[in-house]
């Protein structure tokens, strides 16, 4: 109940004491109406009590006009009311001293006080609007900053940033551009709904005068208070949108101006002086999003180069083992066989020693062959991921249930990463899990390759515990993938990986 009474009092006060003056014409009408009404009231009351003075009633109109309109109209109303007040006193034969020494000073004082009160109300309303605008901007900044902190792709940050900036500043137009040689390209735009607007991807030459050209040349905020006074294709296009003024700030990444964040207004007056600072906050967030994305891309590219170099080194080692050491062992084995055949039949001891050497050479060849397969499996390069995973499943000491639904070839980097995910997971199952069975699923989700290796063992695996899972995570992320390990104690371990992989040229069936 108290809250409702407070609200009613504030509403009634706002109706009388306005922060901005009402139209002058209505003020004149109200002033005349009050004077006429006050005259009628005094005439009526004098019939009832002719000995009483009702002159104070004329202060009512003065107060109302002073509270609702400008000071000049309030003074005019005070003088008019004083004249009427004097008339009644002259008519009654009273002294004019009260009119000049009491009523007129009171009326003028009431005008001054009411005007000052309206001025204070205007200042309070302006502070309230500024506080509300600042609160809107801070909320908008928080929403954009949250996206940036989450590592959201810049292309998803751009439209949110311009929308939040338009809402936070309550402006008619916001554009985010990027500089491309002697042009600027629209990355995101926000305009009044239903009005003509700039399209994403629209290009403009930086000829003539514009906020884009000013920001690019100076690297500092710039403003144009009247688009009608500047020439150029951008100014002409913005005039078509009905914009009259604008303010722009640079989007600076690593010390270089990449683009501009620009707001525009259809109002006749220039934009407030604090607009540059408010736009600059959003421009900094956009620049941070771009910088973070480039840093992630550089890190991912660096990882990919390291992984590719390691794979190339493995292929070289495998090739050297196959073409060098393994072939040399085969040649030595054949030589020993020839030597064995040339030995006399009665020299059994020497023949036995040679036979042992031949068997040792055969074992060494087998070990080198297994080693070369582990370094870089030839079957992966020849047959693809499907046959390679099948080979891993056959060699696993733990029984494997295999679901293979990836029926095409992938880029080599994707196939190698997927192969080592399966190989490392099976190695961990055999060494650490105590599982009796492991399930391998190789599936497709659009162009993405999905892997899942789940065992029914003891669980408790940790990605940083020396099991090789940390290296696998780096390898998968190097090809823009994600790797997750779920391993609750007593509930087995599941390794999942999603690797983006457009189909390679000349895809073959994997079966």
Protein backbone atom coordinates (compact mmCIF):
# COMPACT_ATOMS: atom_id res chain seq x y z
CA UNK A 1 0.00 0.00 0.00
CA UNK A 2 2.82 2.40 0.92
CA UNK A 3 4.62 1.61 -2.32
CA UNK A 4 1.48 2.39 -4.31
CA UNK A 5 1.01 5.72 -2.52
CA UNK A 6 4.64 6.60 -3.19
CA UNK A 7 4.19 5.73 -6.86
CA UNK A 8 1.01 7.86 -7.07
CA UNK A 9 2.75 10.82 -5.42
CA UNK A 10 5.68 10.57 -7.82
CA UNK A 11 3.32 10.35 -10.80
CA UNK A 12 1.30 13.37 -9.64
CA UNK A 13 4.50 15.33 -9.05
CA UNK A 14 5.78 14.38 -12.50
CA UNK A 15 2.56 15.65 -14.07
CA UNK A 16 3.09 19.08 -12.50
CA UNK A 17 6.86 19.37 -12.19
CA UNK A 18 8.19 18.30 -15.56
CA UNK A 19 11.94 18.13 -16.33
CA UNK A 20 11.24 19.54 -19.81
CA UNK A 21 8.93 22.43 -20.62
CA UNK A 22 5.64 21.78 -22.37
CA UNK A 23 4.81 23.60 -25.64
CA UNK A 24 4.52 27.38 -25.17
CA UNK A 25 1.10 27.58 -26.82
CA UNK A 26 -0.39 25.21 -24.28
CA UNK A 27 1.27 27.24 -21.53
CA UNK A 28 -0.47 30.43 -22.66
CA UNK A 29 -3.80 28.62 -22.79
CA UNK A 30 -3.29 27.18 -19.29
CA UNK A 31 -2.21 30.56 -17.88
CA UNK A 32 -5.26 32.32 -19.33
CA UNK A 33 -7.49 29.49 -18.14
CA UNK A 34 -6.18 29.74 -14.59
CA UNK A 35 -6.58 33.54 -14.52
CA UNK A 36 -10.15 33.33 -15.84
CA UNK A 37 -10.95 30.52 -13.42
CA UNK A 38 -9.40 32.40 -10.51
CA UNK A 39 -11.40 35.55 -11.38
CA UNK A 40 -14.60 33.52 -11.52
CA UNK A 41 -13.76 31.85 -8.20
CA UNK A 42 -13.09 35.22 -6.47
CA UNK A 43 -16.29 36.76 -7.88
CA UNK A 44 -18.29 33.78 -6.66
CA UNK A 45 -16.73 33.80 -3.20
CA UNK A 46 -17.22 37.58 -2.76
CA UNK A 47 -20.97 37.10 -3.13
CA UNK A 48 -20.84 34.72 -0.21
CA UNK A 49 -18.31 36.57 1.97
CA UNK A 50 -17.69 40.04 0.52
CA UNK A 51 -15.52 41.16 3.43
CA UNK A 52 -12.88 38.48 2.86
CA UNK A 53 -9.87 38.73 0.55
CA UNK A 54 -9.24 35.92 -1.85
CA UNK A 55 -6.26 37.40 -3.66
CA UNK A 56 -3.94 34.57 -2.66
CA UNK A 57 -5.81 32.25 -5.06
CA UNK A 58 -4.03 33.99 -7.95
CA UNK A 59 -0.74 32.42 -6.85
CA UNK A 60 -2.05 28.98 -7.88
CA UNK A 61 -1.85 29.66 -11.60
CA UNK A 62 1.60 31.21 -11.19
CA UNK A 63 2.91 28.06 -9.48
CA UNK A 64 1.42 25.68 -12.06
CA UNK A 65 2.76 27.65 -15.03
CA UNK A 66 6.19 28.07 -13.45
CA UNK A 67 6.39 24.32 -12.75
CA UNK A 68 5.29 23.23 -16.20
CA UNK A 69 6.65 25.90 -18.55
CA UNK A 70 9.54 28.31 -18.88
CA UNK A 71 10.45 31.15 -16.54
CA UNK A 72 9.41 33.90 -18.99
CA UNK A 73 5.83 32.63 -19.20
CA UNK A 74 5.78 32.30 -15.40
CA UNK A 75 6.80 35.99 -15.01
CA UNK A 76 4.16 37.05 -17.53
CA UNK A 77 1.56 35.06 -15.60
CA UNK A 78 2.76 36.68 -12.35
CA UNK A 79 2.35 40.19 -13.80
CA UNK A 80 -1.08 39.38 -15.25
CA UNK A 81 -2.21 37.89 -11.93
CA UNK A 82 -0.88 40.97 -10.12
CA UNK A 83 -2.90 43.25 -12.40
CA UNK A 84 -6.09 41.30 -11.65
CA UNK A 85 -5.18 41.32 -7.95
CA UNK A 86 -4.78 45.14 -8.10
CA UNK A 87 -8.12 45.47 -9.88
CA UNK A 88 -10.00 43.71 -7.10
CA UNK A 89 -8.28 45.81 -4.46
CA UNK A 90 -9.07 49.05 -6.33
CA UNK A 91 -12.67 47.95 -6.75
CA UNK A 92 -12.98 47.32 -3.04
CA UNK A 93 -11.25 50.61 -2.18
CA UNK A 94 -8.36 48.82 -0.49
CA UNK A 95 -4.78 50.00 -0.39
CA UNK A 96 -2.51 49.02 -3.28
CA UNK A 97 0.42 48.47 -0.98
CA UNK A 98 -0.28 44.72 -0.47
CA UNK A 99 -0.44 44.23 -4.22
CA UNK A 100 2.97 45.75 -4.85
CA UNK A 101 4.78 44.83 -1.65
CA UNK A 102 3.34 41.36 -0.98
CA UNK A 103 1.53 39.68 -3.88
CA UNK A 104 3.86 40.61 -6.74
CA UNK A 105 7.07 39.67 -4.88
CA UNK A 106 5.44 36.42 -3.75
CA UNK A 107 4.34 35.63 -7.31
CA UNK A 108 7.79 36.34 -8.71
CA UNK A 109 9.43 34.35 -5.92
CA UNK A 110 7.08 31.44 -6.58
CA UNK A 111 8.02 31.61 -10.27
CA UNK A 112 11.71 31.51 -9.45
CA UNK A 113 11.34 28.63 -6.99
CA UNK A 114 9.16 26.59 -9.31
CA UNK A 115 11.52 27.20 -12.22
CA UNK A 116 14.48 26.15 -10.08
CA UNK A 117 12.60 23.03 -9.00
CA UNK A 118 11.90 22.18 -12.65
CA UNK A 119 15.58 22.72 -13.46
CA UNK A 120 16.56 20.34 -10.66
CA UNK A 121 14.05 17.83 -11.97
CA UNK A 122 15.58 18.15 -15.43
CA UNK A 123 19.07 17.57 -14.00
CA UNK A 124 17.82 14.56 -12.03
CA UNK A 125 16.14 13.14 -15.12
CA UNK A 126 19.34 13.63 -17.12
CA UNK A 127 21.37 11.81 -14.45
CA UNK A 128 18.81 9.02 -14.40
CA UNK A 129 19.03 8.66 -18.18
CA UNK A 130 22.83 8.66 -18.06
CA UNK A 131 22.83 6.02 -15.32
CA UNK A 132 20.37 3.89 -17.27
CA UNK A 133 22.45 4.26 -20.45
CA UNK A 134 25.61 3.32 -18.56
CA UNK A 135 23.90 0.30 -17.04
CA UNK A 136 22.69 -0.81 -20.48
CA UNK A 137 26.18 -0.42 -21.90
CA UNK A 138 27.80 -2.35 -19.05
CA UNK A 139 25.31 -5.18 -19.47
CA UNK A 140 25.93 -5.21 -23.22
CA UNK A 141 29.70 -5.22 -22.67
CA UNK A 142 29.40 -8.14 -20.24
CA UNK A 143 27.44 -10.19 -22.76
CA UNK A 144 30.00 -9.59 -25.50
CA UNK A 145 32.92 -10.13 -23.10
CA UNK A 146 31.44 -13.48 -22.07
CA UNK A 147 31.46 -14.65 -25.69
CA UNK A 148 35.05 -13.48 -26.13
CA UNK A 149 36.15 -15.21 -22.91
CA UNK A 150 34.58 -18.47 -24.08
CA UNK A 151 36.67 -18.36 -27.24
CA UNK A 152 33.65 -17.95 -29.50
CA UNK A 153 34.51 -17.68 -33.18
CA UNK A 154 34.82 -14.01 -34.21
CA UNK A 155 32.22 -14.45 -36.96
CA UNK A 156 29.73 -15.24 -34.19
CA UNK A 157 30.93 -12.34 -32.04
CA UNK A 158 30.53 -9.68 -34.76
CA UNK A 159 26.70 -9.61 -35.04
CA UNK A 160 26.28 -9.82 -31.27
CA UNK A 161 28.71 -6.93 -30.75
CA UNK A 162 26.94 -4.58 -33.16
CA UNK A 163 23.51 -5.53 -31.79
CA UNK A 164 24.59 -4.97 -28.19
CA UNK A 165 26.29 -1.69 -29.09
CA UNK A 166 23.13 -0.45 -30.83
CA UNK A 167 21.07 -1.42 -27.79
CA UNK A 168 23.55 -0.04 -25.27
CA UNK A 169 23.88 3.38 -26.95
CA UNK A 170 20.31 3.48 -28.27
CA UNK A 171 21.58 4.44 -31.73
CA UNK A 172 20.02 3.97 -35.15
CA UNK A 173 22.91 2.34 -36.98
CA UNK A 174 26.03 0.29 -36.19
CA UNK A 175 28.53 -1.11 -38.69
CA UNK A 176 31.65 -3.23 -38.22
CA UNK A 177 34.05 -3.09 -41.18
CA UNK A 178 37.39 -4.63 -42.05
CA UNK A 179 39.97 -2.98 -44.30
CA UNK A 180 40.97 -4.86 -47.44
CA UNK A 181 43.54 -2.98 -49.53
CA UNK A 182 41.81 0.24 -50.61
CA UNK A 183 38.34 -0.97 -49.63
CA UNK A 184 36.35 -1.66 -46.51
CA UNK A 185 34.10 -4.69 -46.18
CA UNK A 186 31.01 -4.88 -43.96
CA UNK A 187 31.40 -7.71 -41.41
CA UNK A 188 28.21 -6.96 -39.45
CA UNK A 189 25.57 -4.24 -39.44
CA UNK A 190 22.58 -3.26 -37.35
CA UNK A 191 19.91 -0.78 -38.47
CA UNK A 192 16.39 0.20 -37.52
CA UNK A 193 14.04 -2.66 -38.34
CA UNK A 194 12.21 -2.20 -41.60
CA UNK A 195 14.59 0.51 -42.86
CA UNK A 196 17.21 0.25 -45.62
CA UNK A 197 20.44 -1.20 -44.27
CA UNK A 198 23.95 -2.25 -45.18
CA UNK A 199 24.46 -5.88 -46.18
CA UNK A 200 27.16 -8.14 -44.76
CA UNK A 201 29.89 -8.48 -47.38
CA UNK A 202 29.10 -5.11 -49.00
CA UNK A 203 32.28 -3.37 -50.18
CA UNK A 204 33.06 0.33 -50.38
CA UNK A 205 36.11 2.09 -51.80
CA UNK A 206 37.88 4.33 -49.33
CA UNK A 207 37.79 7.27 -51.73
CA UNK A 208 36.51 10.58 -50.47
CA UNK A 209 35.84 11.52 -46.88
CA UNK A 210 34.42 8.95 -44.47
CA UNK A 211 34.83 7.66 -40.94
CA UNK A 212 36.50 4.51 -42.33
CA UNK A 213 39.14 6.50 -44.20
CA UNK A 214 39.75 8.81 -41.23
CA UNK A 215 40.08 5.93 -38.78
CA UNK A 216 42.37 3.99 -41.10
CA UNK A 217 44.69 6.93 -41.75
CA UNK A 218 44.91 8.16 -38.16
CA UNK A 219 44.35 5.00 -36.12
CA UNK A 220 42.22 7.11 -33.76
CA UNK A 221 38.49 7.71 -33.16
CA UNK A 222 36.80 10.10 -35.58
CA UNK A 223 33.42 11.76 -35.96
CA UNK A 224 31.35 13.40 -38.69
CA UNK A 225 28.65 15.70 -37.36
CA UNK A 226 26.96 16.29 -40.74
CA UNK A 227 27.12 13.74 -43.55
CA UNK A 228 25.68 16.34 -45.89
CA UNK A 229 28.98 18.22 -45.65
CA UNK A 230 31.22 15.32 -46.83
CA UNK A 231 31.63 13.62 -50.20
CA UNK A 232 32.40 10.06 -51.20
CA UNK A 233 30.68 6.74 -51.91
CA UNK A 234 30.36 5.82 -48.23
CA UNK A 235 28.87 9.19 -47.26
CA UNK A 236 26.42 8.94 -50.16
CA UNK A 237 25.37 5.44 -49.12
CA UNK A 238 24.85 6.51 -45.51
CA UNK A 239 22.78 9.50 -46.58
CA UNK A 240 20.55 7.03 -48.44
CA UNK A 241 20.02 5.31 -45.08
CA UNK A 242 18.92 8.64 -43.60
CA UNK A 243 21.96 9.03 -41.33
CA UNK A 244 23.02 12.55 -40.43
CA UNK A 245 26.03 12.04 -38.15
CA UNK A 246 28.37 9.30 -37.02
CA UNK A 247 31.28 8.32 -34.79
CA UNK A 248 33.85 5.60 -35.47
CA UNK A 249 36.65 3.87 -33.53
CA UNK A 250 39.49 1.68 -34.80
CA UNK A 251 39.64 -2.08 -34.27
CA UNK A 252 43.33 -2.51 -33.48
CA UNK A 253 44.97 -5.95 -33.38
CA UNK A 254 48.71 -6.33 -32.61
CA UNK A 255 49.25 -2.62 -33.18
CA UNK A 256 47.63 -2.59 -36.62
CA UNK A 257 44.28 -1.06 -37.56
CA UNK A 258 42.23 -3.95 -38.98
CA UNK A 259 38.87 -2.23 -39.29
CA UNK A 260 36.43 0.20 -37.73
CA UNK A 261 33.35 0.08 -35.51
CA UNK A 262 30.98 2.87 -36.50
CA UNK A 263 27.66 4.15 -35.14
CA UNK A 264 25.31 6.52 -36.91
CA UNK A 265 22.31 8.66 -35.98
CA UNK A 266 19.32 9.99 -37.91
CA UNK A 267 18.85 12.85 -35.44
CA UNK A 268 19.63 16.45 -36.36
CA UNK A 269 22.07 17.09 -33.51
CA UNK A 270 25.59 15.55 -33.31
CA UNK A 271 26.23 12.52 -31.15
CA UNK A 272 27.29 13.10 -27.49
CA UNK A 273 30.98 13.71 -26.76
CA UNK A 274 31.33 10.51 -24.71
CA UNK A 275 30.30 8.32 -27.66
CA UNK A 276 33.91 7.64 -28.72
CA UNK A 277 34.77 6.08 -25.37
CA UNK A 278 31.70 3.88 -25.36
CA UNK A 279 32.33 2.61 -28.89
CA UNK A 280 35.99 2.07 -28.02
CA UNK A 281 35.05 -0.45 -25.31
CA UNK A 282 33.22 -2.62 -27.85
CA UNK A 283 35.96 -2.16 -30.46
CA UNK A 284 38.50 -3.46 -27.93
CA UNK A 285 36.39 -6.57 -27.33
CA UNK A 286 36.09 -7.22 -31.06
CA UNK A 287 39.86 -6.78 -31.42
CA UNK A 288 40.42 -9.21 -28.54
CA UNK A 289 38.17 -11.80 -30.20
CA UNK A 290 40.12 -11.47 -33.46
CA UNK A 291 43.46 -11.64 -31.67
CA UNK A 292 42.42 -14.71 -29.66
CA UNK A 293 41.19 -16.49 -32.79
CA UNK A 294 44.44 -15.75 -34.62
CA UNK A 295 46.48 -16.95 -31.65
CA UNK A 296 44.47 -20.19 -31.52
CA UNK A 297 44.89 -20.64 -35.26
CA UNK A 298 48.64 -20.05 -35.02
CA UNK A 299 48.90 -22.51 -32.12
CA UNK A 300 46.88 -25.11 -34.02
CA UNK A 301 48.97 -24.60 -37.15
CA UNK A 302 52.14 -24.95 -35.08
CA UNK A 303 50.85 -28.18 -33.56
CA UNK A 304 49.91 -29.47 -36.99
CA UNK A 305 53.38 -28.69 -38.33
CA UNK A 306 55.02 -30.47 -35.40
CA UNK A 307 52.79 -33.53 -35.81
CA UNK A 308 53.33 -33.55 -39.59
CA UNK A 309 57.09 -33.34 -39.10
CA UNK A 310 56.99 -36.21 -36.62
CA UNK A 311 54.89 -38.32 -38.99
CA UNK A 312 57.25 -37.55 -41.85
CA UNK A 313 60.19 -38.57 -39.68
CA UNK A 314 58.42 -41.82 -38.80
CA UNK A 315 57.77 -42.55 -42.46
CA UNK A 316 61.42 -41.89 -43.19
CA UNK A 317 62.55 -44.24 -40.43
CA UNK A 318 60.11 -46.91 -41.60
CA UNK A 319 61.32 -46.53 -45.18
CA UNK A 320 64.97 -46.66 -44.09
CA UNK A 321 64.33 -49.79 -42.03
CA UNK A 322 62.49 -51.47 -44.88
CA UNK A 323 64.84 -50.48 -47.68
CA UNK A 324 68.05 -50.57 -45.63
CA UNK A 325 68.34 -52.71 -42.52
CA UNK A 326 65.60 -55.21 -43.38
CA UNK A 327 66.88 -55.77 -46.91
CA UNK A 328 70.41 -56.12 -45.54
CA UNK A 329 69.22 -58.77 -43.10
CA UNK A 330 67.50 -60.66 -45.91
CA UNK A 331 70.69 -60.54 -47.98
CA UNK A 332 72.79 -61.76 -45.04
CA UNK A 333 70.29 -64.56 -44.39
CA UNK A 334 70.49 -65.70 -47.99
CA UNK A 335 74.29 -65.62 -47.82
CA UNK A 336 74.25 -67.73 -44.69
CA UNK A 337 71.93 -70.24 -46.35
CA UNK A 338 74.34 -70.48 -49.27
CA UNK A 339 77.21 -70.96 -46.83
CA UNK A 340 75.27 -73.67 -45.00
CA UNK A 341 74.62 -75.51 -48.25
CA UNK A 342 78.34 -75.49 -49.07
CA UNK A 343 79.44 -77.02 -45.78
CA UNK A 344 80.56 -80.66 -45.75
CA UNK A 345 77.99 -83.10 -44.42
CA UNK A 346 80.32 -84.31 -41.68
CA UNK A 347 80.85 -80.86 -40.12
CA UNK A 348 77.69 -80.95 -37.94
CA UNK A 349 78.90 -78.46 -35.30
CA UNK A 350 79.61 -75.72 -37.82
CA UNK A 351 76.35 -76.44 -39.63
CA UNK A 352 74.50 -76.06 -36.30
CA UNK A 353 76.15 -72.70 -35.59
CA UNK A 354 75.27 -71.41 -39.03
CA UNK A 355 71.66 -72.56 -38.61
CA UNK A 356 71.44 -70.68 -35.31
CA UNK A 357 72.75 -67.55 -37.00
CA UNK A 358 70.16 -67.90 -39.76
CA UNK A 359 67.32 -68.29 -37.22
CA UNK A 360 68.61 -65.27 -35.27
CA UNK A 361 68.65 -63.23 -38.46
CA UNK A 362 65.04 -64.29 -39.15
CA UNK A 363 63.96 -63.26 -35.64
CA UNK A 364 65.75 -59.92 -36.03
CA UNK A 365 63.96 -59.36 -39.32
CA UNK A 366 60.58 -60.06 -37.68
CA UNK A 367 61.35 -57.67 -34.81
CA UNK A 368 62.39 -54.91 -37.20
CA UNK A 369 59.27 -55.50 -39.24
CA UNK A 370 57.07 -55.15 -36.16
CA UNK A 371 59.02 -52.06 -35.12
CA UNK A 372 58.56 -50.43 -38.51
CA UNK A 373 54.84 -51.16 -38.42
CA UNK A 374 54.59 -49.39 -35.07
CA UNK A 375 56.52 -46.39 -36.33
CA UNK A 376 54.30 -45.83 -39.34
CA UNK A 377 51.98 -48.63 -40.45
CA UNK A 378 52.22 -49.21 -44.19
CA UNK A 379 48.68 -50.61 -44.25
CA UNK A 380 47.35 -47.19 -43.19
CA UNK A 381 48.92 -45.51 -46.21
CA UNK A 382 47.85 -48.26 -48.60
CA UNK A 383 44.42 -49.32 -47.39
CA UNK A 384 43.20 -46.46 -45.21
CA UNK A 385 41.82 -46.25 -41.71
CA UNK A 386 39.39 -49.20 -41.92
CA UNK A 387 41.92 -51.96 -42.69
CA UNK A 388 44.43 -50.42 -40.27
CA UNK A 389 41.92 -50.47 -37.40
CA UNK A 390 40.96 -54.06 -38.27
CA UNK A 391 44.64 -55.03 -38.05
CA UNK A 392 44.92 -53.36 -34.64
CA UNK A 393 41.82 -55.24 -33.47
CA UNK A 394 43.23 -58.61 -34.63
CA UNK A 395 46.53 -57.99 -32.83
CA UNK A 396 44.92 -56.86 -29.57
CA UNK A 397 45.45 -59.33 -26.70
CA UNK A 398 42.09 -58.20 -25.29
CA UNK A 399 39.05 -59.37 -27.34
CA UNK A 400 37.65 -56.54 -29.47
CA UNK A 401 34.08 -55.84 -30.59
CA UNK A 402 34.46 -53.67 -33.70
CA UNK A 403 31.84 -51.39 -35.28
CA UNK A 404 33.29 -49.82 -38.41
CA UNK A 405 31.07 -47.45 -40.38
CA UNK A 406 33.60 -45.05 -41.87
CA UNK A 407 33.41 -46.10 -45.52
CA UNK A 408 35.72 -43.57 -47.13
CA UNK A 409 39.25 -42.23 -47.13
CA UNK A 410 40.23 -39.20 -45.13
CA UNK A 411 43.19 -36.82 -45.40
CA UNK A 412 46.38 -38.44 -44.20
CA UNK A 413 46.65 -36.25 -41.11
CA UNK A 414 43.16 -37.30 -40.01
CA UNK A 415 43.77 -41.00 -40.63
CA UNK A 416 47.09 -40.96 -38.78
CA UNK A 417 45.57 -39.16 -35.78
CA UNK A 418 42.64 -41.58 -35.65
CA UNK A 419 44.94 -44.60 -36.00
CA UNK A 420 47.10 -43.57 -33.06
CA UNK A 421 44.04 -42.84 -30.91
CA UNK A 422 42.89 -46.45 -31.41
CA UNK A 423 46.40 -47.89 -31.09
CA UNK A 424 47.24 -46.03 -27.87
CA UNK A 425 43.85 -46.79 -26.34
CA UNK A 426 44.27 -50.54 -27.06
CA UNK A 427 47.79 -50.47 -25.62
CA UNK A 428 46.47 -48.89 -22.40
CA UNK A 429 43.67 -51.44 -22.20
CA UNK A 430 46.15 -54.33 -22.46
CA UNK A 431 48.66 -52.83 -19.99
CA UNK A 432 46.57 -51.13 -17.31
CA UNK A 433 42.84 -51.87 -17.39
CA UNK A 434 42.50 -55.58 -16.62
CA UNK A 435 39.54 -55.59 -19.02
CA UNK A 436 38.05 -58.70 -20.57
CA UNK A 437 36.63 -56.90 -23.59
CA UNK A 438 36.99 -53.63 -25.46
CA UNK A 439 34.56 -52.07 -27.95
CA UNK A 440 35.79 -49.91 -30.84
CA UNK A 441 33.40 -47.71 -32.81
CA UNK A 442 34.49 -45.77 -35.88
CA UNK A 443 31.58 -43.72 -37.23
CA UNK A 444 30.77 -40.71 -39.39
CA UNK A 445 28.80 -37.64 -38.36
CA UNK A 446 28.50 -35.60 -41.52
CA UNK A 447 32.12 -34.98 -42.49
CA UNK A 448 33.37 -35.55 -38.94
CA UNK A 449 35.05 -38.77 -37.89
CA UNK A 450 33.89 -40.14 -34.52
CA UNK A 451 35.95 -42.60 -32.50
CA UNK A 452 35.00 -44.37 -29.27
CA UNK A 453 37.13 -47.00 -27.51
CA UNK A 454 35.46 -48.36 -24.35
CA UNK A 455 36.65 -51.16 -22.06
CA UNK A 456 35.09 -52.88 -19.05
CA UNK A 457 38.20 -52.66 -16.91
CA UNK A 458 39.16 -50.98 -13.64
CA UNK A 459 38.97 -47.37 -14.89
CA UNK A 460 40.78 -44.55 -13.15
CA UNK A 461 42.85 -43.50 -16.17
CA UNK A 462 44.16 -39.91 -16.23
CA UNK A 463 44.98 -37.99 -19.39
CA UNK A 464 48.13 -36.56 -17.81
CA UNK A 465 49.23 -39.69 -15.96
CA UNK A 466 51.90 -40.90 -18.38
CA UNK A 467 49.54 -43.15 -20.35
CA UNK A 468 50.16 -41.34 -23.63
CA UNK A 469 46.69 -39.77 -23.61
CA UNK A 470 48.14 -36.28 -23.21
CA UNK A 471 50.13 -36.70 -26.40
CA UNK A 472 47.03 -38.04 -28.13
CA UNK A 473 45.09 -34.95 -27.08
CA UNK A 474 47.74 -32.72 -28.64
CA UNK A 475 47.72 -34.79 -31.84
CA UNK A 476 43.92 -34.68 -32.15
CA UNK A 477 43.71 -30.95 -31.40
CA UNK A 478 46.42 -30.34 -34.01
CA UNK A 479 43.90 -31.43 -36.66
CA UNK A 480 41.09 -29.31 -35.10
CA UNK A 481 39.62 -32.27 -33.23
CA UNK A 482 38.60 -32.91 -29.63
CA UNK A 483 39.51 -35.83 -27.37
CA UNK A 484 37.72 -36.75 -24.15
CA UNK A 485 38.52 -39.44 -21.60
CA UNK A 486 35.89 -40.80 -19.19
CA UNK A 487 37.32 -43.18 -16.61
CA UNK A 488 35.48 -43.48 -13.31
CA UNK A 489 37.05 -45.97 -10.90
CA UNK A 490 35.50 -49.41 -11.35
CA UNK A 491 33.48 -48.36 -14.42
CA UNK A 492 36.01 -48.86 -17.21
CA UNK A 493 37.55 -46.27 -19.50
CA UNK A 494 36.10 -44.64 -22.61
CA UNK A 495 38.20 -42.59 -25.02
CA UNK A 496 36.18 -40.46 -27.46
CA UNK A 497 37.49 -38.33 -30.29
CA UNK A 498 35.81 -36.14 -32.91
CA UNK A 499 38.00 -35.15 -35.83
CA UNK A 500 36.74 -32.90 -38.65
CA UNK A 501 37.61 -34.54 -41.94
CA UNK A 502 36.31 -33.67 -45.41
CA UNK A 503 36.54 -36.66 -47.73
CA UNK A 504 39.84 -37.06 -49.52
CA UNK A 505 39.97 -37.07 -53.33
CA UNK A 506 39.43 -40.52 -54.71
CA UNK A 507 37.72 -41.99 -51.64
CA UNK A 508 37.83 -45.74 -51.43
CA UNK A 509 35.53 -48.06 -49.58
CA UNK A 510 36.88 -49.32 -46.29
CA UNK A 511 35.90 -52.82 -45.58
